[in-house]
Amino acid sequence: MHLFPFLTKGNSTANQASQSEETLRIDFLQKFTVPVRAGINKSGSEYIDGVFAAGIFGPGTSVTGQRFSSGGTAMALMGPFFLTDSVSVTDSNTAQPFSFRPTTLLQFRDGITFGKGTEPGSTINVGKSCGNFAFSEE
């Protein structure tokens, strides 16, 4: 699994700690076509991992993850995970709602919040796995 680094520049005009909370929303999209009718089942799974890699993080710094399938069908929200809980982030869910169509769109949404007072250059690495799913109609 590849981890993607996200870092804050803090207050870019003075290279100082951030004066307010910074929130990033990152959407990873995957589109594929299979010869099936449209349907929904409980075969979805999702997984997130990451690490609060380096820096001085302000209070409230956190990571969340969630997966969506065609039509906005949402799986359970993973997190928020805070640095006070652990330096690393790992979670997964199975038996989640999975909506499919002949052309299916999967969306992996990560939320990264750098709390107020986070120092410039502080980095959080986040990875996503596409998880498993099945195109079986229930």
Protein backbone atom coordinates (compact mmCIF):
# COMPACT_ATOMS: atom_id res chain seq x y z
CA MET A 1 0.00 0.00 0.00
CA HIS A 2 1.23 3.46 -0.86
CA LEU A 3 1.00 6.19 1.77
CA PHE A 4 0.28 9.71 0.55
CA PRO A 5 1.92 12.54 2.56
CA PHE A 6 -0.11 15.60 3.56
CA LEU A 7 1.67 18.48 5.23
CA THR A 8 0.80 21.93 6.45
CA LYS A 9 2.70 25.10 5.72
CA GLY A 10 1.22 26.82 8.77
CA ASN A 11 1.00 30.59 8.47
CA SER A 12 2.75 30.89 5.09
CA THR A 13 3.45 34.62 5.44
CA ALA A 14 5.56 34.29 8.59
CA ASN A 15 6.41 30.54 8.65
CA GLN A 16 4.65 30.28 12.00
CA ALA A 17 2.25 27.75 13.48
CA SER A 18 -1.23 27.80 11.98
CA GLN A 19 -3.55 30.37 13.52
CA SER A 20 -6.66 28.31 12.80
CA GLU A 21 -7.69 24.77 11.99
CA GLU A 22 -6.95 23.54 8.45
CA THR A 23 -9.11 20.78 7.00
CA LEU A 24 -8.37 18.85 3.80
CA ARG A 25 -10.87 16.57 2.07
CA ILE A 26 -9.26 14.20 -0.40
CA ASP A 27 -11.35 12.05 -2.75
CA PHE A 28 -9.77 9.06 -4.50
CA LEU A 29 -12.00 7.93 -7.37
CA GLN A 30 -12.06 4.58 -9.12
CA LYS A 31 -14.39 3.76 -12.02
CA PHE A 32 -14.85 0.36 -13.62
CA THR A 33 -17.28 -1.40 -15.95
CA VAL A 34 -18.59 -4.95 -15.47
CA PRO A 35 -21.51 -6.76 -17.13
CA VAL A 36 -23.99 -6.70 -14.25
CA ARG A 37 -27.38 -5.19 -13.56
CA ALA A 38 -27.66 -2.44 -10.98
CA GLY A 39 -28.14 -3.53 -7.37
CA ILE A 40 -27.06 -3.16 -3.78
CA ASN A 41 -25.78 -5.68 -1.27
CA LYS A 42 -23.75 -5.88 1.95
CA SER A 43 -20.49 -7.10 0.39
CA GLY A 44 -18.43 -3.92 0.72
CA SER A 45 -15.36 -3.48 2.87
CA GLU A 46 -13.14 -0.51 3.53
CA TYR A 47 -9.73 0.01 5.08
CA ILE A 48 -7.60 2.97 6.09
CA ASP A 49 -4.11 3.23 7.48
CA GLY A 50 -1.69 6.04 8.14
CA VAL A 51 0.72 7.64 10.53
CA PHE A 52 1.21 11.03 12.16
CA ALA A 53 4.66 11.14 10.57
CA ALA A 54 6.55 14.21 11.71
CA GLY A 55 6.10 17.60 13.30
CA ILE A 56 4.34 19.32 16.14
CA PHE A 57 0.58 18.95 15.87
CA GLY A 58 -2.00 21.22 17.44
CA PRO A 59 -4.93 19.93 19.50
CA GLY A 60 -7.71 18.43 17.41
CA THR A 61 -5.43 17.12 14.67
CA SER A 62 -7.22 14.08 13.24
CA VAL A 63 -7.82 11.71 10.31
CA THR A 64 -11.07 10.17 9.04
CA GLY A 65 -11.87 7.82 6.18
CA GLN A 66 -15.03 6.70 4.41
CA ARG A 67 -15.92 4.83 1.26
CA PHE A 68 -18.87 5.47 -1.06
CA SER A 69 -20.16 3.47 -4.02
CA SER A 70 -22.35 4.35 -7.00
CA GLY A 71 -25.17 6.71 -6.20
CA GLY A 72 -23.59 7.90 -2.96
CA THR A 73 -24.17 4.72 -0.93
CA ALA A 74 -22.06 5.33 2.16
CA MET A 75 -20.15 2.83 4.23
CA ALA A 76 -19.42 3.54 7.90
CA LEU A 77 -17.21 6.49 8.80
CA MET A 78 -13.83 5.41 10.15
CA GLY A 79 -12.49 7.79 12.78
CA PRO A 80 -11.84 10.45 13.70
CA PHE A 81 -8.43 9.23 14.85
CA PHE A 82 -6.45 11.64 17.00
CA LEU A 83 -2.73 11.79 17.67
CA THR A 84 -3.52 11.42 21.37
CA ASP A 85 -4.99 7.97 20.65
CA SER A 86 -1.97 6.61 18.75
CA VAL A 87 0.79 7.62 16.34
CA SER A 88 -0.64 5.25 13.73
CA VAL A 89 -4.10 4.92 12.18
CA THR A 90 -5.61 1.57 11.17
CA ASP A 91 -9.25 0.60 10.81
CA SER A 92 -11.48 -1.53 8.62
CA ASN A 93 -15.16 -2.37 8.19
CA THR A 94 -16.78 -5.35 6.46
CA ALA A 95 -20.35 -6.24 5.46
CA GLN A 96 -20.95 -2.65 4.37
CA PRO A 97 -23.58 -1.50 1.84
CA PHE A 98 -22.21 -1.69 -1.70
CA SER A 99 -24.12 -0.21 -4.63
CA PHE A 100 -23.16 -1.36 -8.12
CA ARG A 101 -24.15 -0.66 -11.71
CA PRO A 102 -22.80 -1.66 -15.12
CA THR A 103 -20.41 1.25 -14.61
CA THR A 104 -19.54 1.46 -10.93
CA LEU A 105 -17.87 4.41 -9.23
CA LEU A 106 -15.99 3.94 -5.96
CA GLN A 107 -14.97 6.94 -3.93
CA PHE A 108 -12.56 6.87 -0.99
CA ARG A 109 -12.77 10.05 1.08
CA ASP A 110 -10.10 11.00 3.59
CA GLY A 111 -10.49 13.93 5.94
CA ILE A 112 -7.34 15.39 7.42
CA THR A 113 -7.54 18.15 10.01
CA PHE A 114 -4.47 19.99 11.25
CA GLY A 115 -5.40 21.54 14.58
CA LYS A 116 -4.74 25.19 15.44
CA GLY A 117 -1.09 25.60 16.44
CA THR A 118 0.27 22.87 14.16
CA GLU A 119 3.84 23.74 13.16
CA PRO A 120 4.81 24.22 9.48
CA GLY A 121 6.00 21.01 7.81
CA SER A 122 3.99 18.73 10.10
CA THR A 123 3.06 15.68 8.03
CA ILE A 124 0.37 13.00 8.14
CA ASN A 125 0.74 10.01 5.79
CA VAL A 126 -2.50 8.30 4.76
CA GLY A 127 -3.06 5.22 2.61
CA LYS A 128 -6.19 3.64 1.19
CA SER A 129 -6.88 0.10 0.11
CA CYS A 130 -9.76 -0.53 -2.25
CA GLY A 131 -10.99 -3.34 -0.03
CA ASN A 132 -13.18 -6.15 -1.28
CA PHE A 133 -16.65 -6.26 -2.75
CA ALA A 134 -18.82 -8.66 -4.72
CA PHE A 135 -21.35 -8.08 -7.48
CA SER A 136 -23.93 -10.55 -6.12
CA GLU A 137 -27.52 -9.40 -6.02
CA GLU A 138 -29.46 -10.12 -2.83
